[in-house]
C-alpha atoms as a PDB file:
ATOM      1  CA  MET A   1     108.873  99.306  75.242  1.00  0.00           C
ATOM      2  CA  THR A   2     110.187  99.390  78.798  1.00  0.00           C
ATOM      3  CA  PRO A   3     112.137 102.608  79.469  1.00  0.00           C
ATOM      4  CA  LEU A   4     115.926 102.261  79.520  1.00  0.00           C
ATOM      5  CA  LEU A   5     118.068 104.320  81.907  1.00  0.00           C
ATOM      6  CA  GLY A   6     121.836 104.181  81.663  1.00  0.00           C
ATOM      7  CA  ILE A   7     124.130 104.315  84.671  1.00  0.00           C
ATOM      8  CA  VAL A   8     127.422 105.399  83.132  1.00  0.00           C
ATOM      9  CA  GLY A   9     130.859 106.586  84.173  1.00  0.00           C
ATOM     10  CA  TRP A  10     134.503 105.646  84.122  1.00  0.00           C
ATOM     11  CA  SER A  11     135.683 102.377  85.609  1.00  0.00           C
ATOM     12  CA  GLY A  12     135.989 102.566  89.383  1.00  0.00           C
ATOM     13  CA  THR A  13     133.411 105.330  89.893  1.00  0.00           C
ATOM     14  CA  GLY A  14     130.985 103.104  91.788  1.00  0.00           C
ATOM     15  CA  LYS A  15     128.339 102.292  89.185  1.00  0.00           C
ATOM     16  CA  THR A  16     127.813  98.743  90.474  1.00  0.00           C
ATOM     17  CA  THR A  17     127.884  99.882  94.117  1.00  0.00           C
ATOM     18  CA  LEU A  18     125.234 102.492  93.323  1.00  0.00           C
ATOM     19  CA  LEU A  19     123.075  99.943  91.485  1.00  0.00           C
ATOM     20  CA  LYS A  20     123.263  97.472  94.381  1.00  0.00           C
ATOM     21  CA  LYS A  21     121.659 100.158  96.569  1.00  0.00           C
ATOM     22  CA  LEU A  22     119.413 101.762  93.934  1.00  0.00           C
ATOM     23  CA  ILE A  23     117.623  98.590  92.833  1.00  0.00           C
ATOM     24  CA  PRO A  24     116.251  97.790  96.331  1.00  0.00           C
ATOM     25  CA  ALA A  25     115.342 101.478  96.849  1.00  0.00           C
ATOM     26  CA  LEU A  26     113.343 101.460  93.599  1.00  0.00           C
ATOM     27  CA  ASN A  27     111.736  98.132  94.521  1.00  0.00           C
ATOM     28  CA  GLU A  28     110.616  99.705  97.840  1.00  0.00           C
ATOM     29  CA  GLN A  29     108.741 102.286  95.740  1.00  0.00           C
ATOM     30  CA  GLY A  30     107.024  99.518  93.767  1.00  0.00           C
ATOM     31  CA  ILE A  31     109.246 100.008  90.692  1.00  0.00           C
ATOM     32  CA  ARG A  32     110.136  96.661  89.131  1.00  0.00           C
ATOM     33  CA  THR A  33     113.659  96.857  87.739  1.00  0.00           C
ATOM     34  CA  GLY A  34     115.532  94.880  85.140  1.00  0.00           C
ATOM     35  CA  LEU A  35     119.254  95.187  84.542  1.00  0.00           C
ATOM     36  CA  ILE A  36     121.540  94.922  81.548  1.00  0.00           C
ATOM     37  CA  LYS A  37     125.236  95.035  82.410  1.00  0.00           C
ATOM     38  CA  HIS A  38     127.868  95.510  79.743  1.00  0.00           C
ATOM     39  CA  THR A  39     131.309  94.051  80.309  1.00  0.00           C
ATOM     40  CA  HIS A  40     134.468  94.173  78.250  1.00  0.00           C
ATOM     41  CA  HIS A  41     135.641  90.916  79.826  1.00  0.00           C
ATOM     42  CA  ASP A  42     135.129  87.396  78.524  1.00  0.00           C
ATOM     43  CA  MET A  43     132.417  86.376  80.935  1.00  0.00           C
ATOM     44  CA  ASP A  44     130.613  83.141  81.646  1.00  0.00           C
ATOM     45  CA  VAL A  45     127.602  82.704  83.916  1.00  0.00           C
ATOM     46  CA  ASP A  46     128.062  78.933  84.036  1.00  0.00           C
ATOM     47  CA  LYS A  47     130.642  76.888  85.963  1.00  0.00           C
ATOM     48  CA  PRO A  48     133.059  74.262  84.629  1.00  0.00           C
ATOM     49  CA  GLY A  49     132.067  70.808  85.785  1.00  0.00           C
ATOM     50  CA  LYS A  50     128.317  71.534  85.802  1.00  0.00           C
ATOM     51  CA  ASP A  51     126.231  69.557  83.307  1.00  0.00           C
ATOM     52  CA  SER A  52     124.933  72.715  81.615  1.00  0.00           C
ATOM     53  CA  TYR A  53     128.481  74.013  81.156  1.00  0.00           C
ATOM     54  CA  GLU A  54     129.710  70.742  79.689  1.00  0.00           C
ATOM     55  CA  LEU A  55     126.724  70.447  77.318  1.00  0.00           C
ATOM     56  CA  ARG A  56     127.145  74.032  76.139  1.00  0.00           C
ATOM     57  CA  LYS A  57     130.867  73.472  75.589  1.00  0.00           C
ATOM     58  CA  ALA A  58     129.948  70.358  73.580  1.00  0.00           C
ATOM     59  CA  GLY A  59     128.599  72.716  70.935  1.00  0.00           C
ATOM     60  CA  ALA A  60     125.088  73.917  71.802  1.00  0.00           C
ATOM     61  CA  TYR A  61     124.565  77.426  70.409  1.00  0.00           C
ATOM     62  CA  GLN A  62     121.874  78.151  72.985  1.00  0.00           C
ATOM     63  CA  THR A  63     121.489  76.610  76.414  1.00  0.00           C
ATOM     64  CA  LEU A  64     118.578  77.304  78.738  1.00  0.00           C
ATOM     65  CA  VAL A  65     118.998  76.306  82.373  1.00  0.00           C
ATOM     66  CA  ALA A  66     115.857  76.341  84.507  1.00  0.00           C
ATOM     67  CA  SER A  67     114.857  75.747  88.110  1.00  0.00           C
ATOM     68  CA  ALA A  68     111.874  76.668  90.247  1.00  0.00           C
ATOM     69  CA  GLN A  69     113.654  79.900  91.301  1.00  0.00           C
ATOM     70  CA  ARG A  70     115.059  81.226  87.982  1.00  0.00           C
ATOM     71  CA  TRP A  71     116.062  80.464  84.447  1.00  0.00           C
ATOM     72  CA  ALA A  72     118.887  81.684  82.256  1.00  0.00           C
ATOM     73  CA  LEU A  73     119.425  81.530  78.517  1.00  0.00           C
ATOM     74  CA  MET A  74     123.009  81.512  77.292  1.00  0.00           C
ATOM     75  CA  THR A  75     123.641  82.189  73.617  1.00  0.00           C
ATOM     76  CA  GLU A  76     127.025  81.651  71.988  1.00  0.00           C
ATOM     77  CA  THR A  77     128.044  84.571  69.744  1.00  0.00           C
ATOM     78  CA  PRO A  78     131.738  83.989  68.919  1.00  0.00           C
ATOM     79  CA  ASN A  79     131.695  85.368  65.359  1.00  0.00           C
ATOM     80  CA  GLU A  80     129.092  88.099  65.734  1.00  0.00           C
ATOM     81  CA  GLU A  81     129.247  91.829  66.329  1.00  0.00           C
ATOM     82  CA  PRO A  82     128.644  92.931  69.930  1.00  0.00           C
ATOM     83  CA  PRO A  83     124.907  92.744  70.643  1.00  0.00           C
ATOM     84  CA  ASP A  84     122.730  95.796  70.166  1.00  0.00           C
ATOM     85  CA  LEU A  85     121.344  97.266  73.398  1.00  0.00           C
ATOM     86  CA  TYR A  86     117.783  97.425  72.058  1.00  0.00           C
ATOM     87  CA  TYR A  87     117.980  93.802  70.927  1.00  0.00           C
ATOM     88  CA  LEU A  88     119.145  92.791  74.412  1.00  0.00           C
ATOM     89  CA  ALA A  89     116.341  94.810  76.027  1.00  0.00           C
ATOM     90  CA  SER A  90     113.804  93.128  73.742  1.00  0.00           C
ATOM     91  CA  ARG A  91     114.856  89.755  75.189  1.00  0.00           C
ATOM     92  CA  MET A  92     113.579  90.870  78.614  1.00  0.00           C
ATOM     93  CA  ASP A  93     109.953  90.344  79.635  1.00  0.00           C
ATOM     94  CA  GLY A  94     108.612  93.900  79.660  1.00  0.00           C
ATOM     95  CA  ARG A  95     105.343  92.722  81.243  1.00  0.00           C
ATOM     96  CA  THR A  96     107.200  92.243  84.531  1.00  0.00           C
ATOM     97  CA  LEU A  97     109.318  95.415  84.421  1.00  0.00           C
ATOM     98  CA  ASP A  98     108.796  99.141  84.865  1.00  0.00           C
ATOM     99  CA  ILE A  99     112.365 100.136  83.959  1.00  0.00           C
ATOM    100  CA  ILE A 100     115.553  98.545  82.646  1.00  0.00           C
ATOM    101  CA  LEU A 101     118.708  99.955  84.218  1.00  0.00           C
ATOM    102  CA  VAL A 102     121.725  99.711  81.940  1.00  0.00           C
ATOM    103  CA  GLU A 103     125.247  99.652  83.352  1.00  0.00           C
ATOM    104  CA  GLY A 104     127.679 100.601  80.634  1.00  0.00           C
ATOM    105  CA  PHE A 105     126.756 101.235  76.993  1.00  0.00           C
ATOM    106  CA  LYS A 106     127.735 104.855  77.732  1.00  0.00           C
ATOM    107  CA  HIS A 107     127.793 105.851  74.072  1.00  0.00           C
ATOM    108  CA  GLU A 108     124.206 104.744  73.447  1.00  0.00           C
ATOM    109  CA  ALA A 109     121.577 107.415  72.797  1.00  0.00           C
ATOM    110  CA  ILE A 110     119.543 106.618  75.920  1.00  0.00           C
ATOM    111  CA  PRO A 111     118.713 108.680  78.996  1.00  0.00           C
ATOM    112  CA  LYS A 112     121.510 108.288  81.521  1.00  0.00           C
ATOM    113  CA  LEU A 113     122.884 109.235  84.893  1.00  0.00           C
ATOM    114  CA  LEU A 114     126.587 110.075  84.855  1.00  0.00           C
ATOM    115  CA  VAL A 115     128.420 108.739  87.925  1.00  0.00           C
ATOM    116  CA  PHE A 116     131.540 110.536  89.106  1.00  0.00           C
ATOM    117  CA  ARG A 117     133.513 109.838  92.260  1.00  0.00           C
ATOM    118  CA  GLU A 118     136.484 111.765  93.598  1.00  0.00           C
ATOM    119  CA  GLY A 119     139.755 109.861  93.751  1.00  0.00           C
ATOM    120  CA  THR A 120     139.403 107.936  90.476  1.00  0.00           C
ATOM    121  CA  GLY A 121     142.217 109.771  88.740  1.00  0.00           C
ATOM    122  CA  ARG A 122     139.789 112.000  86.855  1.00  0.00           C
ATOM    123  CA  THR A 123     138.688 115.521  87.645  1.00  0.00           C
ATOM    124  CA  ALA A 124     135.321 117.223  87.381  1.00  0.00           C
ATOM    125  CA  GLU A 125     136.697 119.056  84.342  1.00  0.00           C
ATOM    126  CA  ASP A 126     136.914 115.643  82.608  1.00  0.00           C
ATOM    127  CA  LEU A 127     133.132 115.126  82.867  1.00  0.00           C
ATOM    128  CA  VAL A 128     131.582 114.698  79.448  1.00  0.00           C
ATOM    129  CA  CYS A 129     127.816 114.967  79.349  1.00  0.00           C
ATOM    130  CA  ASP A 130     125.859 114.435  76.170  1.00  0.00           C
ATOM    131  CA  GLU A 131     122.309 115.510  75.335  1.00  0.00           C
ATOM    132  CA  HIS A 132     121.006 112.289  76.921  1.00  0.00           C
ATOM    133  CA  THR A 133     122.560 112.917  80.353  1.00  0.00           C
ATOM    134  CA  LEU A 134     119.783 113.634  82.857  1.00  0.00           C
ATOM    135  CA  ALA A 135     121.871 114.243  85.990  1.00  0.00           C
ATOM    136  CA  LEU A 136     125.251 113.844  87.650  1.00  0.00           C
ATOM    137  CA  VAL A 137     125.554 111.406  90.559  1.00  0.00           C
ATOM    138  CA  THR A 138     128.655 112.309  92.529  1.00  0.00           C
ATOM    139  CA  ASP A 139     130.381 112.642  95.883  1.00  0.00           C
ATOM    140  CA  ILE A 140     131.731 116.153  95.232  1.00  0.00           C
ATOM    141  CA  ARG A 141     130.157 119.581  95.434  1.00  0.00           C
ATOM    142  CA  ILE A 142     129.817 120.870  91.911  1.00  0.00           C
ATOM    143  CA  THR A 143     127.797 123.522  90.163  1.00  0.00           C
ATOM    144  CA  HIS A 144     126.386 122.266  86.896  1.00  0.00           C
ATOM    145  CA  THR A 145     123.518 123.004  84.519  1.00  0.00           C
ATOM    146  CA  LEU A 146     122.214 119.457  85.157  1.00  0.00           C
ATOM    147  CA  PRO A 147     120.799 118.263  88.474  1.00  0.00           C
ATOM    148  CA  VAL A 148     123.544 117.046  90.833  1.00  0.00           C
ATOM    149  CA  LEU A 149     122.624 114.052  93.007  1.00  0.00           C
ATOM    150  CA  ASP A 150     124.527 112.781  96.041  1.00  0.00           C
ATOM    151  CA  ILE A 151     125.923 109.307  95.295  1.00  0.00           C
ATOM    152  CA  ASN A 152     125.746 108.563  99.030  1.00  0.00           C
ATOM    153  CA  ASP A 153     122.008 109.396  99.235  1.00  0.00           C
ATOM    154  CA  VAL A 154     120.379 106.488  97.413  1.00  0.00           C
ATOM    155  CA  HIS A 155     116.895 107.718  98.324  1.00  0.00           C
ATOM    156  CA  GLN A 156     117.591 111.021  96.552  1.00  0.00           C
ATOM    157  CA  VAL A 157     118.769 109.131  93.453  1.00  0.00           C
ATOM    158  CA  ALA A 158     115.802 106.728  93.610  1.00  0.00           C
ATOM    159  CA  GLY A 159     113.411 109.683  93.958  1.00  0.00           C
ATOM    160  CA  PHE A 160     114.928 111.310  90.876  1.00  0.00           C
ATOM    161  CA  VAL A 161     114.590 108.071  88.893  1.00  0.00           C
ATOM    162  CA  ALA A 162     110.994 107.554  90.085  1.00  0.00           C
ATOM    163  CA  GLN A 163     110.069 111.111  89.073  1.00  0.00           C
ATOM    164  CA  TRP A 164     111.710 110.655  85.649  1.00  0.00           C
ATOM    165  CA  LEU A 165     109.863 107.355  85.188  1.00  0.00           C
ATOM    166  CA  ARG A 166     106.516 108.987  86.057  1.00  0.00           C
ATOM    167  CA  LYS A 167     107.185 111.616  83.371  1.00  0.00           C
ATOM    168  CA  GLN A 168     107.950 108.854  80.854  1.00  0.00           C
ATOM    169  CA  ARG A 169     104.638 107.147  81.640  1.00  0.00           C
ATOM    170  CA  GLU A 170     102.706 110.436  81.376  1.00  0.00           C
ATOM    171  CA  TYR A 171     104.394 111.268  78.080  1.00  0.00           C
ATOM    172  CA  GLY A 172     103.713 107.742  76.808  1.00  0.00           C
ATOM    173  CA  MET A 173     100.030 108.088  77.660  1.00  0.00           C
ATOM    174  CA  MET A 174      99.764 111.483  75.972  1.00  0.00           C
ATOM    175  CA  GLY A 175     102.048 110.711  73.013  1.00  0.00           C
END
């Protein structure tokens, strides 16, 4: 299975901003990234007025929209439990990915980077790391037992992720 790496933190800490910089930095290193983003909002990737939207709203439980550039599968799940992270990851084509970055799902038992930014109404004392936290990614100077990465140095963060991924591959080959 493709390794999962969580990017977690409180709302407003800059997880999405970090990912928008980290994904290209990993791609530059030849690391093909996938992304799963969790949201608490009622979201829709389709637009009212488009044929696919209208057909889905007519009652299709699954709608696949395809073009020469991309395709998307939308599945209606109104009466189901929230989807399991591993189920979602299994829907991705692991043959084309080296890593799946996961924004959110902070309570999942997966390796993760904890993002903390000053000025979010939280303090460093509020940081809660679990046994799956690999490093802190922050804009403050802090002494911690975990590695502390500079949120403003995307190449440092990408290097850490690349090194972690290499270890996963080596362990996978030996294990």
